[in-house]
Amino acid sequence: MYQYDEIDQTLTRERVDEYRDQVSRRFKGDLTEDQFRPLRLRNGLYMQLHAYMLRVAIPYGLLSSAQLRKLALIARKYDRGYGHFTTRQNIQYNWPKLEDTPDILAHLAEVEMNAIQTSGNNNRNVTSDPYAGVAKDEIEDPRPYAEIVRQFVTLHPEFSWLPRKFKIALTAADHDRAAINVHDIGLKIVKNDKGEIGFCVLVGGGLGRTPFIAKIVREFLPKKELLRYLQAILRVYNMEGRRDNIYKARIKILVHEHGIERFRKDVEAEFEAAAAEPLDLDQHEEDRIRAYFATPAYEKLPTDDAALTKKLADDASFRDWHDRNVVAHKQAGYAIVNISLKPTGQPPGDATDDQMDAIADLSDTYSLGQLRVTHRQNLVFADVKKADLFALYQDLIKLNLATPNFGRITDIICCPGLDFCSLANARSIPVAQRIAERFDDIKRQNDIGDMHINISGCINACGHHHVAHLGILGVEKNGEEFYQVTLGGSSAEDADIGKIIGPAFSSEDIVDAVESLVDVYLKQRSTGERFLDTYRRVGQAPFKDRLYGSH
């Protein structure tokens, strides 16, 4: 994984010192809250409903065991003993004290981490496929380019005050695990008819108040032109994006209002005008960054493991976990393991300090000392020997992290909601927990099959409800919490925005409504169909009739 060079180290150290001085001046009264607010936001510190929240960047979701142990220490010493992994592949702390935050940033700097640009109207954490580098369906590892993009946009003076926040995601796989279609810029590594490898560039995706699926702005972009093309998009957005209305300031609105043809024309003109600027990716620099992501020295192992096969035959619980949470690796004898942070009773995406320490130890034992964070708020061990899977499974059981629900109905994306967030209209976590309890039986989950439920506590859609197979949005009616249901969304390669099915449900009725929708699916589905497939085939009518009666 990438290691800080002298520039990164200096930048991070100086940012900690600068922020420590800003906090000191705030306590002395030399800075008002209005003056301090943009400064703390630039360092990932929000004021939420009850306390501050600190968001820490995890670039493209990649963590070392040492970094995870540091995150555990911060949770234990400065928070309430846990952290929350987010849909941006970041981690958030919900209870830090303002006076402690400079020390927290100093701790992070010790392990090459920071909270720079995790908030504010700038480029946020660059995200990528959590299986990058080991996925069987990818063209090549996208992480070197994610790192190159991260370096390009971090504290870029021209793009530090954009009209609104900006998010970039990369993938190189057939199956989109990075949700590139709902990002401001989505980059997919592709191969053209000549066999050349470059990028398909998407622009204008996003959720929130006005959700849009991204549109293709360039079918094929040579690798060396990546940074100049990103600069062109950001320049057009910076110059033409709305600044008079926060609800219309995202690039998705600009693309929608101008149309993709006009937007493409403007970007191409800016791209050509900057032809003389020294922004082409230098092969030496590309190779230097790529070296940080070199293929590990894998052992030569057999494709099949007799002991594993026997364990799978003898142990039904292990077989359930293996069938759901283990994915094929491109290297013979190895596997990708998804670690669910969605056990029944636990807020989705949360991990305790003790769990984080233990996971760090397990990553050293089983996965080359590294792990990944997914945008679905789970963790991944990317390099596990098949011969070690049963031992890892037994160790995960002890941590309550062996739930075999990856991609199932209880593998719920969930924002913090009204339990923490001052913007929320309704609670999200209790609804997610109640749904998980209702569908806790693994056999029932397996019968239902692949189904994504996402829950947001407000229209800002931090829980990605728009792109769930079944999305739940918290709304407020006369001081009470209600929940609006959408169906048919997806954030994968078949991306689509879900459609509202009808009037919202009370907190008391929402779980029963979910169960009714599942019952309709089970009755309507054809062999091999997911919930999403059935919904798209039969339409909304049978689901709506079940919920509200015939119309």
Protein backbone atom coordinates (compact mmCIF):
# COMPACT_ATOMS: atom_id res chain seq x y z
CA MET A 1 0.00 0.00 0.00
CA TYR A 2 1.06 3.61 -0.48
CA GLN A 3 3.52 5.06 2.00
CA TYR A 4 3.89 8.75 2.72
CA ASP A 5 6.83 10.48 1.12
CA GLU A 6 8.45 13.63 2.48
CA ILE A 7 5.77 15.83 0.91
CA ASP A 8 2.91 13.88 2.51
CA GLN A 9 4.66 13.82 5.88
CA THR A 10 5.33 17.56 5.84
CA LEU A 11 1.84 18.41 4.68
CA THR A 12 0.17 16.28 7.35
CA ARG A 13 2.46 17.48 10.15
CA GLU A 14 1.96 21.14 9.23
CA ARG A 15 -1.80 20.67 9.00
CA VAL A 16 -1.87 19.23 12.54
CA ASP A 17 0.14 22.19 13.87
CA GLU A 18 -2.06 24.66 12.01
CA TYR A 19 -5.24 23.08 13.32
CA ARG A 20 -3.92 22.90 16.89
CA ASP A 21 -3.36 26.66 16.74
CA GLN A 22 -6.86 27.22 15.37
CA VAL A 23 -8.44 25.24 18.21
CA SER A 24 -6.35 27.15 20.74
CA ARG A 25 -7.51 30.46 19.30
CA ARG A 26 -11.12 29.27 19.38
CA PHE A 27 -10.87 28.50 23.12
CA LYS A 28 -9.21 31.86 23.76
CA GLY A 29 -12.02 33.64 21.97
CA ASP A 30 -9.78 34.93 19.18
CA LEU A 31 -11.96 33.04 16.69
CA THR A 32 -15.74 33.12 16.71
CA GLU A 33 -17.69 29.94 15.94
CA ASP A 34 -18.55 31.35 12.51
CA GLN A 35 -14.85 31.91 11.85
CA PHE A 36 -13.84 28.54 13.24
CA ARG A 37 -16.51 26.49 11.47
CA PRO A 38 -14.90 26.38 7.98
CA LEU A 39 -11.53 25.63 9.59
CA ARG A 40 -12.75 22.64 11.58
CA LEU A 41 -14.78 21.35 8.64
CA ARG A 42 -11.64 21.33 6.51
CA ASN A 43 -10.24 18.96 9.10
CA GLY A 44 -13.25 16.65 9.17
CA LEU A 45 -14.86 17.97 12.35
CA TYR A 46 -18.66 18.38 12.27
CA MET A 47 -21.05 19.54 14.94
CA GLN A 48 -23.82 16.95 15.13
CA LEU A 49 -26.93 16.66 17.27
CA HIS A 50 -25.27 15.96 20.62
CA ALA A 51 -21.53 16.39 20.09
CA TYR A 52 -18.79 16.84 17.54
CA MET A 53 -18.18 14.12 14.94
CA LEU A 54 -14.74 13.54 13.43
CA ARG A 55 -14.47 11.89 10.01
CA VAL A 56 -11.14 10.25 9.16
CA ALA A 57 -10.12 9.55 5.56
CA ILE A 58 -9.31 6.02 4.45
CA PRO A 59 -8.17 6.55 0.84
CA TYR A 60 -9.74 3.97 -1.50
CA GLY A 61 -10.67 1.99 1.63
CA LEU A 62 -7.22 0.50 2.24
CA LEU A 63 -5.91 0.05 5.80
CA SER A 64 -2.85 -1.53 7.37
CA SER A 65 -3.10 -3.40 10.64
CA ALA A 66 -1.06 -0.63 12.32
CA GLN A 67 -3.52 1.98 11.11
CA LEU A 68 -6.50 -0.01 12.38
CA ARG A 69 -4.86 -0.37 15.79
CA LYS A 70 -4.45 3.40 15.88
CA LEU A 71 -8.13 3.84 15.02
CA ALA A 72 -8.94 1.47 17.89
CA LEU A 73 -6.78 3.51 20.27
CA ILE A 74 -8.58 6.71 19.27
CA ALA A 75 -11.97 5.05 19.83
CA ARG A 76 -10.87 3.86 23.26
CA LYS A 77 -9.08 6.99 24.47
CA TYR A 78 -11.03 9.82 22.88
CA ASP A 79 -14.48 8.44 22.04
CA ARG A 80 -16.91 5.92 23.51
CA GLY A 81 -15.15 2.76 22.46
CA TYR A 82 -16.28 2.37 18.86
CA GLY A 83 -16.04 3.82 15.36
CA HIS A 84 -18.50 3.91 12.48
CA PHE A 85 -17.39 2.88 8.98
CA THR A 86 -19.17 4.88 6.30
CA THR A 87 -20.30 4.64 2.68
CA ARG A 88 -17.27 6.78 1.73
CA GLN A 89 -14.91 4.04 2.99
CA ASN A 90 -14.08 6.35 5.90
CA ILE A 91 -14.47 6.03 9.66
CA GLN A 92 -16.33 8.45 11.92
CA TYR A 93 -16.13 9.09 15.65
CA ASN A 94 -19.32 10.43 17.18
CA TRP A 95 -18.17 11.73 20.56
CA PRO A 96 -14.74 13.45 20.44
CA LYS A 97 -14.16 16.53 22.56
CA LEU A 98 -13.00 19.62 20.69
CA GLU A 99 -9.94 20.04 22.90
CA ASP A 100 -8.83 16.48 22.06
CA THR A 101 -9.14 16.71 18.29
CA PRO A 102 -5.64 18.12 17.63
CA ASP A 103 -4.15 15.17 19.55
CA ILE A 104 -6.33 12.78 17.54
CA LEU A 105 -5.01 14.24 14.28
CA ALA A 106 -1.47 13.93 15.64
CA HIS A 107 -2.09 10.25 16.40
CA LEU A 108 -3.37 9.75 12.86
CA ALA A 109 -0.32 11.42 11.37
CA GLU A 110 1.88 8.88 13.16
CA VAL A 111 0.40 6.14 10.97
CA GLU A 112 0.10 8.14 7.74
CA MET A 113 -3.56 9.07 8.15
CA ASN A 114 -5.47 12.35 8.30
CA ALA A 115 -8.88 13.99 8.13
CA ILE A 116 -7.99 16.48 5.40
CA GLN A 117 -10.84 17.20 2.97
CA THR A 118 -13.31 14.82 4.58
CA SER A 119 -15.68 17.77 4.64
CA GLY A 120 -16.10 21.10 2.90
CA ASN A 121 -16.67 22.14 -0.71
CA ASN A 122 -13.68 20.30 -2.09
CA ASN A 123 -12.65 16.87 -3.36
CA ARG A 124 -13.53 14.28 -0.73
CA ASN A 125 -11.97 10.87 -0.09
CA VAL A 126 -11.22 9.05 -3.36
CA THR A 127 -12.91 5.64 -3.29
CA SER A 128 -12.46 2.40 -5.21
CA ASP A 129 -13.38 -1.27 -5.53
CA PRO A 130 -12.69 -3.02 -2.19
CA TYR A 131 -11.51 -6.06 -4.18
CA ALA A 132 -9.05 -3.99 -6.24
CA GLY A 133 -5.91 -5.89 -7.15
CA VAL A 134 -7.37 -9.33 -6.36
CA ALA A 135 -10.67 -9.40 -8.27
CA LYS A 136 -10.92 -11.98 -11.02
CA ASP A 137 -13.06 -9.69 -13.18
CA GLU A 138 -10.85 -6.59 -13.26
CA ILE A 139 -8.67 -5.43 -16.16
CA GLU A 140 -5.96 -4.18 -13.82
CA ASP A 141 -5.54 -2.77 -10.33
CA PRO A 142 -7.20 0.68 -10.12
CA ARG A 143 -5.57 1.64 -6.82
CA PRO A 144 -2.43 3.25 -8.29
CA TYR A 145 -4.66 5.63 -10.22
CA ALA A 146 -6.82 6.24 -7.16
CA GLU A 147 -3.65 7.27 -5.33
CA ILE A 148 -2.52 9.48 -8.22
CA VAL A 149 -5.93 11.17 -8.21
CA ARG A 150 -5.77 11.57 -4.42
CA GLN A 151 -2.44 13.32 -4.64
CA PHE A 152 -3.65 15.54 -7.48
CA VAL A 153 -6.79 16.80 -5.73
CA THR A 154 -5.48 17.07 -2.15
CA LEU A 155 -5.17 20.78 -1.30
CA HIS A 156 -5.21 21.65 -5.01
CA PRO A 157 -5.38 25.47 -4.82
CA GLU A 158 -7.70 25.81 -7.83
CA PHE A 159 -10.25 23.34 -6.45
CA SER A 160 -10.21 24.02 -2.72
CA TRP A 161 -13.41 26.12 -2.84
CA LEU A 162 -15.69 24.38 -5.28
CA PRO A 163 -19.40 25.22 -5.52
CA ARG A 164 -20.12 22.07 -3.49
CA LYS A 165 -18.50 18.84 -2.28
CA PHE A 166 -17.02 16.58 -4.96
CA LYS A 167 -16.56 12.80 -5.00
CA ILE A 168 -14.51 10.59 -7.33
CA ALA A 169 -14.60 6.77 -7.52
CA LEU A 170 -12.64 4.26 -9.63
CA THR A 171 -13.10 0.65 -10.66
CA ALA A 172 -11.61 -1.73 -13.21
CA ALA A 173 -14.07 -4.60 -12.91
CA ASP A 174 -17.08 -5.82 -14.83
CA HIS A 175 -19.14 -5.79 -11.65
CA ASP A 176 -19.24 -2.29 -10.17
CA ARG A 177 -18.46 -2.57 -6.46
CA ALA A 178 -17.44 1.11 -6.22
CA ALA A 179 -20.81 2.69 -7.18
CA ILE A 180 -19.15 4.85 -9.84
CA ASN A 181 -22.55 5.69 -11.37
CA VAL A 182 -23.56 7.78 -8.36
CA HIS A 183 -20.39 9.85 -8.08
CA ASP A 184 -19.55 13.31 -9.37
CA ILE A 185 -16.87 11.60 -11.45
CA GLY A 186 -16.75 7.86 -12.01
CA LEU A 187 -13.71 6.30 -13.67
CA LYS A 188 -13.76 2.80 -15.10
CA ILE A 189 -10.62 1.24 -16.51
CA VAL A 190 -11.52 -0.22 -19.91
CA LYS A 191 -9.87 -1.69 -23.01
CA ASN A 192 -10.68 -0.22 -26.43
CA ASP A 193 -10.92 -1.96 -29.81
CA LYS A 194 -7.18 -1.56 -30.31
CA GLY A 195 -6.41 -3.34 -27.06
CA GLU A 196 -5.29 -0.11 -25.38
CA ILE A 197 -6.16 0.41 -21.71
CA GLY A 198 -7.65 3.71 -20.59
CA PHE A 199 -10.65 5.16 -18.77
CA CYS A 200 -14.34 5.46 -19.44
CA VAL A 201 -15.27 8.74 -17.73
CA LEU A 202 -18.68 9.31 -16.16
CA VAL A 203 -19.88 12.59 -14.71
CA GLY A 204 -22.84 14.02 -12.85
CA GLY A 205 -23.95 11.15 -10.66
CA GLY A 206 -25.11 11.69 -7.11
CA LEU A 207 -27.89 11.14 -4.58
CA GLY A 208 -29.39 13.48 -2.00
CA ARG A 209 -32.31 15.79 -2.72
CA THR A 210 -32.11 15.34 -6.51
CA PRO A 211 -30.61 11.95 -7.38
CA PHE A 212 -29.04 11.30 -10.80
CA ILE A 213 -27.22 8.44 -12.48
CA ALA A 214 -23.94 9.59 -14.05
CA LYS A 215 -23.60 10.06 -17.79
CA ILE A 216 -20.65 9.12 -19.98
CA VAL A 217 -18.66 12.21 -20.91
CA ARG A 218 -15.75 10.36 -22.58
CA GLU A 219 -15.96 6.74 -23.79
CA PHE A 220 -12.20 6.26 -23.81
CA LEU A 221 -9.50 8.41 -22.27
CA PRO A 222 -5.84 7.42 -22.60
CA LYS A 223 -4.21 6.90 -19.20
CA LYS A 224 -1.64 9.61 -19.64
CA GLU A 225 -4.38 12.24 -20.09
CA LEU A 226 -6.23 11.39 -16.88
CA LEU A 227 -5.20 14.36 -14.75
CA ARG A 228 -5.66 16.93 -17.50
CA TYR A 229 -9.15 15.61 -18.19
CA LEU A 230 -10.07 15.64 -14.50
CA GLN A 231 -8.78 19.20 -14.32
CA ALA A 232 -10.94 20.16 -17.29
CA ILE A 233 -14.09 18.75 -15.65
CA LEU A 234 -13.30 20.46 -12.36
CA ARG A 235 -12.55 23.77 -14.09
CA VAL A 236 -15.84 23.74 -15.97
CA TYR A 237 -17.67 22.92 -12.75
CA ASN A 238 -15.77 25.53 -10.75
CA MET A 239 -16.56 28.24 -13.30
CA GLU A 240 -20.14 27.31 -14.18
CA GLY A 241 -21.51 25.50 -11.12
CA ARG A 242 -24.24 27.24 -9.14
CA ARG A 243 -23.09 29.12 -6.04
CA ASP A 244 -26.35 30.96 -5.34
CA ASN A 245 -28.31 27.90 -4.17
CA ILE A 246 -26.78 25.12 -2.08
CA TYR A 247 -29.43 22.68 -3.31
CA LYS A 248 -28.46 23.26 -6.94
CA ALA A 249 -24.69 23.52 -6.51
CA ARG A 250 -23.60 19.94 -7.24
CA ILE A 251 -22.13 19.09 -10.64
CA LYS A 252 -25.07 16.75 -11.27
CA ILE A 253 -27.34 19.80 -11.52
CA LEU A 254 -24.96 21.53 -13.94
CA VAL A 255 -24.83 18.43 -16.17
CA HIS A 256 -28.61 18.06 -15.99
CA GLU A 257 -29.38 21.70 -16.77
CA HIS A 258 -26.79 22.10 -19.54
CA GLY A 259 -27.22 18.61 -20.95
CA ILE A 260 -24.40 16.13 -21.44
CA GLU A 261 -23.63 17.28 -25.00
CA ARG A 262 -23.02 20.89 -24.00
CA PHE A 263 -21.15 19.82 -20.89
CA ARG A 264 -18.96 17.46 -22.93
CA LYS A 265 -18.23 20.26 -25.42
CA ASP A 266 -17.18 22.62 -22.60
CA VAL A 267 -14.94 19.97 -21.01
CA GLU A 268 -13.28 19.04 -24.29
CA ALA A 269 -12.61 22.72 -25.04
CA GLU A 270 -11.03 23.20 -21.61
CA PHE A 271 -9.10 19.97 -22.05
CA GLU A 272 -7.64 21.10 -25.37
CA ALA A 273 -6.88 24.59 -24.08
CA ALA A 274 -4.70 23.04 -21.36
CA ALA A 275 -2.75 20.84 -23.80
CA ALA A 276 0.48 22.67 -23.08
CA GLU A 277 0.21 22.28 -19.30
CA PRO A 278 2.60 19.63 -17.90
CA LEU A 279 -0.11 17.31 -16.62
CA ASP A 280 0.35 14.18 -18.70
CA LEU A 281 1.00 11.18 -16.49
CA ASP A 282 4.73 10.61 -16.59
CA GLN A 283 5.52 6.91 -16.99
CA HIS A 284 8.24 7.09 -14.35
CA GLU A 285 5.82 8.61 -11.82
CA GLU A 286 3.10 6.11 -12.71
CA ASP A 287 5.55 3.24 -12.22
CA ARG A 288 6.70 4.72 -8.90
CA ILE A 289 3.16 4.80 -7.53
CA ARG A 290 2.31 1.41 -9.01
CA ALA A 291 5.27 -0.13 -7.15
CA TYR A 292 3.46 0.53 -3.85
CA PHE A 293 0.68 -1.78 -5.04
CA ALA A 294 2.86 -4.54 -6.43
CA THR A 295 1.43 -8.04 -6.33
CA PRO A 296 2.40 -9.72 -3.03
CA ALA A 297 4.74 -12.69 -3.01
CA TYR A 298 1.94 -15.23 -2.99
CA GLU A 299 2.78 -18.81 -2.16
CA LYS A 300 2.22 -21.42 -4.83
CA LEU A 301 -0.82 -23.22 -3.54
CA PRO A 302 -3.18 -25.81 -5.02
CA THR A 303 -6.47 -24.52 -6.40
CA ASP A 304 -8.42 -26.99 -4.28
CA ASP A 305 -7.86 -27.78 -0.61
CA ALA A 306 -8.98 -31.24 0.57
CA ALA A 307 -9.21 -30.23 4.23
CA LEU A 308 -11.35 -27.23 3.33
CA THR A 309 -13.64 -29.38 1.22
CA LYS A 310 -14.13 -31.76 4.14
CA LYS A 311 -14.83 -28.94 6.60
CA LEU A 312 -17.43 -27.52 4.23
CA ALA A 313 -19.10 -30.91 4.00
CA ASP A 314 -19.07 -31.53 7.76
CA ASP A 315 -19.91 -28.07 9.18
CA ALA A 316 -23.16 -26.49 7.93
CA SER A 317 -22.60 -23.19 9.73
CA PHE A 318 -19.14 -22.81 8.23
CA ARG A 319 -20.58 -23.71 4.83
CA ASP A 320 -23.20 -20.96 5.16
CA TRP A 321 -20.51 -18.42 5.99
CA HIS A 322 -18.21 -19.62 3.21
CA ASP A 323 -21.00 -19.60 0.61
CA ARG A 324 -22.00 -16.02 1.47
CA ASN A 325 -18.89 -14.19 2.65
CA VAL A 326 -16.04 -15.79 0.69
CA VAL A 327 -15.32 -14.70 -2.90
CA ALA A 328 -13.01 -16.11 -5.55
CA HIS A 329 -9.48 -14.66 -5.70
CA LYS A 330 -7.48 -14.34 -8.91
CA GLN A 331 -4.54 -16.17 -7.28
CA ALA A 332 -4.79 -19.95 -6.97
CA GLY A 333 -5.17 -21.14 -3.37
CA TYR A 334 -6.33 -17.77 -2.01
CA ALA A 335 -9.74 -16.26 -1.26
CA ILE A 336 -11.33 -12.88 -0.59
CA VAL A 337 -13.20 -12.75 2.73
CA ASN A 338 -15.98 -10.28 3.51
CA ILE A 339 -16.29 -9.50 7.21
CA SER A 340 -19.81 -8.41 8.01
CA LEU A 341 -20.23 -5.49 10.38
CA LYS A 342 -23.95 -6.26 10.48
CA PRO A 343 -24.51 -8.81 13.28
CA THR A 344 -28.01 -8.74 14.70
CA GLY A 345 -28.28 -6.12 17.42
CA GLN A 346 -25.27 -4.03 16.37
CA PRO A 347 -25.64 -0.71 14.52
CA PRO A 348 -24.63 -1.35 10.89
CA GLY A 349 -21.05 -0.36 10.16
CA ASP A 350 -19.95 -0.04 13.78
CA ALA A 351 -16.89 -1.76 15.25
CA THR A 352 -15.72 -1.58 18.84
CA ASP A 353 -12.18 -0.72 19.84
CA ASP A 354 -11.60 -4.33 20.93
CA GLN A 355 -12.98 -5.64 17.66
CA MET A 356 -10.70 -3.31 15.69
CA ASP A 357 -7.65 -4.44 17.63
CA ALA A 358 -8.59 -8.07 17.13
CA ILE A 359 -9.27 -7.56 13.41
CA ALA A 360 -5.86 -5.95 13.06
CA ASP A 361 -4.29 -9.03 14.66
CA LEU A 362 -6.27 -11.32 12.35
CA SER A 363 -5.19 -9.34 9.29
CA ASP A 364 -1.57 -9.92 10.31
CA THR A 365 -2.23 -13.63 10.73
CA TYR A 366 -4.41 -14.26 7.72
CA SER A 367 -4.24 -11.39 5.18
CA LEU A 368 -0.74 -9.92 4.85
CA GLY A 369 -1.42 -7.21 7.43
CA GLN A 370 -3.96 -5.33 5.31
CA LEU A 371 -7.72 -4.96 5.05
CA ARG A 372 -10.24 -2.94 3.07
CA VAL A 373 -13.35 -0.93 3.96
CA THR A 374 -16.32 -1.27 1.59
CA HIS A 375 -18.90 1.35 0.64
CA ARG A 376 -21.51 -1.04 2.05
CA GLN A 377 -19.96 -0.54 5.51
CA ASN A 378 -18.22 -3.90 5.83
CA LEU A 379 -14.57 -4.99 5.90
CA VAL A 380 -12.57 -7.23 3.57
CA PHE A 381 -9.55 -9.46 4.00
CA ALA A 382 -8.27 -9.61 0.44
CA ASP A 383 -5.54 -12.26 0.65
CA VAL A 384 -6.57 -15.26 2.74
CA LYS A 385 -5.22 -18.73 2.04
CA LYS A 386 -8.03 -21.21 1.48
CA ALA A 387 -6.35 -23.51 3.97
CA ASP A 388 -6.82 -20.79 6.64
CA LEU A 389 -10.50 -20.08 6.04
CA PHE A 390 -11.87 -22.35 8.76
CA ALA A 391 -9.42 -21.03 11.37
CA LEU A 392 -10.30 -17.44 10.40
CA TYR A 393 -14.00 -18.27 10.62
CA GLN A 394 -13.57 -19.65 14.14
CA ASP A 395 -11.67 -16.53 15.20
CA LEU A 396 -14.37 -14.28 13.73
CA ILE A 397 -17.05 -16.16 15.67
CA LYS A 398 -15.34 -15.12 18.90
CA LEU A 399 -15.63 -11.47 17.81
CA ASN A 400 -19.28 -11.73 16.71
CA LEU A 401 -18.10 -10.96 13.18
CA ALA A 402 -18.90 -14.22 11.40
CA THR A 403 -22.45 -13.34 10.36
CA PRO A 404 -23.03 -15.07 6.99
CA ASN A 405 -25.20 -12.30 5.54
CA PHE A 406 -23.06 -10.65 2.87
CA GLY A 407 -25.45 -9.30 0.23
CA ARG A 408 -28.48 -10.56 2.13
CA ILE A 409 -31.47 -8.67 3.50
CA THR A 410 -29.76 -7.95 6.86
CA ASP A 411 -26.60 -6.58 5.21
CA ILE A 412 -28.11 -3.10 5.53
CA ILE A 413 -26.50 0.23 4.67
CA CYS A 414 -27.56 2.71 7.34
CA CYS A 415 -26.67 6.31 8.17
CA PRO A 416 -26.42 7.47 11.83
CA GLY A 417 -29.84 9.13 11.55
CA LEU A 418 -31.54 11.11 14.27
CA ASP A 419 -29.63 9.31 17.00
CA PHE A 420 -26.64 11.47 16.08
CA CYS A 421 -27.23 13.74 13.08
CA SER A 422 -28.74 17.22 13.42
CA LEU A 423 -29.95 17.09 9.79
CA ALA A 424 -31.92 13.87 10.19
CA ASN A 425 -35.72 13.71 10.32
CA ALA A 426 -35.96 10.18 11.71
CA ARG A 427 -33.94 7.42 13.30
CA SER A 428 -32.23 4.94 11.01
CA ILE A 429 -30.32 2.60 13.31
CA PRO A 430 -33.32 1.24 15.27
CA VAL A 431 -35.16 0.49 12.02
CA ALA A 432 -32.14 -1.37 10.65
CA GLN A 433 -31.86 -3.34 13.89
CA ARG A 434 -35.54 -4.27 13.87
CA ILE A 435 -35.38 -5.44 10.25
CA ALA A 436 -32.29 -7.50 11.07
CA GLU A 437 -34.10 -9.08 14.03
CA ARG A 438 -37.18 -9.86 11.91
CA PHE A 439 -35.08 -11.61 9.26
CA ASP A 440 -32.42 -13.03 11.57
CA ASP A 441 -32.90 -16.64 10.49
CA ILE A 442 -30.11 -17.50 8.05
CA LYS A 443 -32.18 -20.09 6.20
CA ARG A 444 -34.84 -17.47 5.57
CA GLN A 445 -32.21 -14.97 4.38
CA ASN A 446 -30.80 -17.54 1.96
CA ASP A 447 -34.28 -18.28 0.63
CA ILE A 448 -34.82 -14.56 -0.02
CA GLY A 449 -31.42 -14.34 -1.72
CA ASP A 450 -29.55 -11.22 -2.80
CA MET A 451 -31.37 -8.15 -1.55
CA HIS A 452 -30.04 -4.73 -0.64
CA ILE A 453 -31.83 -2.54 1.91
CA ASN A 454 -30.45 0.96 2.46
CA ILE A 455 -31.76 3.41 5.07
CA SER A 456 -31.34 7.20 5.23
CA GLY A 457 -32.56 9.43 8.04
CA CYS A 458 -33.09 12.41 5.75
CA ILE A 459 -33.14 13.51 2.12
CA ASN A 460 -29.36 14.02 2.09
CA ALA A 461 -29.24 10.24 1.48
CA CYS A 462 -26.08 9.35 3.39
CA GLY A 463 -27.56 5.84 3.57
CA HIS A 464 -27.88 5.65 -0.24
CA HIS A 465 -31.57 4.72 -0.07
CA HIS A 466 -32.15 5.87 -3.67
CA VAL A 467 -30.02 3.04 -5.07
CA ALA A 468 -31.23 0.21 -2.86
CA HIS A 469 -33.34 -2.66 -4.10
CA LEU A 470 -35.54 -1.54 -1.20
CA GLY A 471 -34.80 1.94 0.07
CA ILE A 472 -36.12 3.52 3.25
CA LEU A 473 -36.12 7.29 3.81
CA GLY A 474 -36.93 8.83 7.17
CA VAL A 475 -39.35 11.77 7.02
CA GLU A 476 -41.07 13.87 9.66
CA LYS A 477 -44.86 14.32 9.83
CA ASN A 478 -46.34 16.48 12.56
CA GLY A 479 -43.43 15.76 14.85
CA GLU A 480 -43.51 11.99 14.29
CA GLU A 481 -41.09 9.74 12.44
CA PHE A 482 -42.34 8.14 9.22
CA TYR A 483 -40.58 6.13 6.55
CA GLN A 484 -40.97 6.40 2.78
CA VAL A 485 -40.22 3.29 0.70
CA THR A 486 -38.55 3.18 -2.72
CA LEU A 487 -38.12 0.09 -4.89
CA GLY A 488 -35.93 -0.85 -7.83
CA GLY A 489 -32.70 1.04 -7.20
CA SER A 490 -29.14 -0.18 -7.75
CA SER A 491 -25.65 1.28 -7.40
CA ALA A 492 -23.96 -1.46 -9.45
CA GLU A 493 -23.42 -1.67 -13.22
CA ASP A 494 -27.22 -1.80 -13.64
CA ALA A 495 -27.53 1.47 -11.71
CA ASP A 496 -30.93 3.04 -11.32
CA ILE A 497 -32.83 5.32 -8.96
CA GLY A 498 -35.59 3.62 -6.99
CA LYS A 499 -39.20 4.78 -7.33
CA ILE A 500 -41.38 5.82 -4.39
CA ILE A 501 -44.10 3.22 -3.95
CA GLY A 502 -46.64 5.31 -2.02
CA PRO A 503 -47.39 7.06 1.28
CA ALA A 504 -44.89 6.72 4.11
CA PHE A 505 -45.23 4.23 6.96
CA SER A 506 -45.07 4.90 10.68
CA SER A 507 -42.15 3.65 12.71
CA GLU A 508 -44.45 0.97 14.09
CA ASP A 509 -45.47 -0.27 10.62
CA ILE A 510 -42.29 -0.01 8.53
CA VAL A 511 -40.86 -3.44 9.36
CA ASP A 512 -44.19 -5.12 8.59
CA ALA A 513 -44.20 -3.24 5.26
CA VAL A 514 -40.76 -4.62 4.44
CA GLU A 515 -41.94 -8.13 5.23
CA SER A 516 -45.00 -7.67 3.01
CA LEU A 517 -42.79 -6.59 0.10
CA VAL A 518 -40.58 -9.63 0.61
CA ASP A 519 -43.65 -11.89 0.62
CA VAL A 520 -44.79 -10.46 -2.73
CA TYR A 521 -41.35 -11.07 -4.20
CA LEU A 522 -41.26 -14.68 -3.01
CA LYS A 523 -44.62 -15.34 -4.64
CA GLN A 524 -43.80 -13.55 -7.90
CA ARG A 525 -40.19 -14.52 -8.53
CA SER A 526 -38.96 -16.85 -11.24
CA THR A 527 -36.10 -19.28 -10.72
CA GLY A 528 -32.82 -17.50 -10.04
CA GLU A 529 -34.31 -14.00 -9.80
CA ARG A 530 -33.15 -11.50 -7.22
CA PHE A 531 -35.67 -9.16 -5.58
CA LEU A 532 -34.51 -6.46 -7.99
CA ASP A 533 -34.98 -8.69 -11.04
CA THR A 534 -38.51 -9.64 -10.05
CA TYR A 535 -39.48 -6.05 -9.33
CA ARG A 536 -38.18 -4.90 -12.69
CA ARG A 537 -40.03 -7.70 -14.47
CA VAL A 538 -43.45 -7.45 -12.81
CA GLY A 539 -43.45 -3.75 -12.02
CA GLN A 540 -44.68 -1.87 -9.00
CA ALA A 541 -48.36 -2.89 -9.09
CA PRO A 542 -48.32 -6.17 -7.12
CA PHE A 543 -46.07 -4.66 -4.44
CA LYS A 544 -48.24 -1.55 -4.18
CA ASP A 545 -51.43 -3.57 -4.03
CA ARG A 546 -50.08 -5.61 -1.13
CA LEU A 547 -49.14 -2.50 0.83
CA TYR A 548 -52.12 -0.26 0.12
CA GLY A 549 -54.82 -2.47 -1.41
CA SER A 550 -56.01 -2.44 -5.03
CA HIS A 551 -56.51 0.90 -6.75
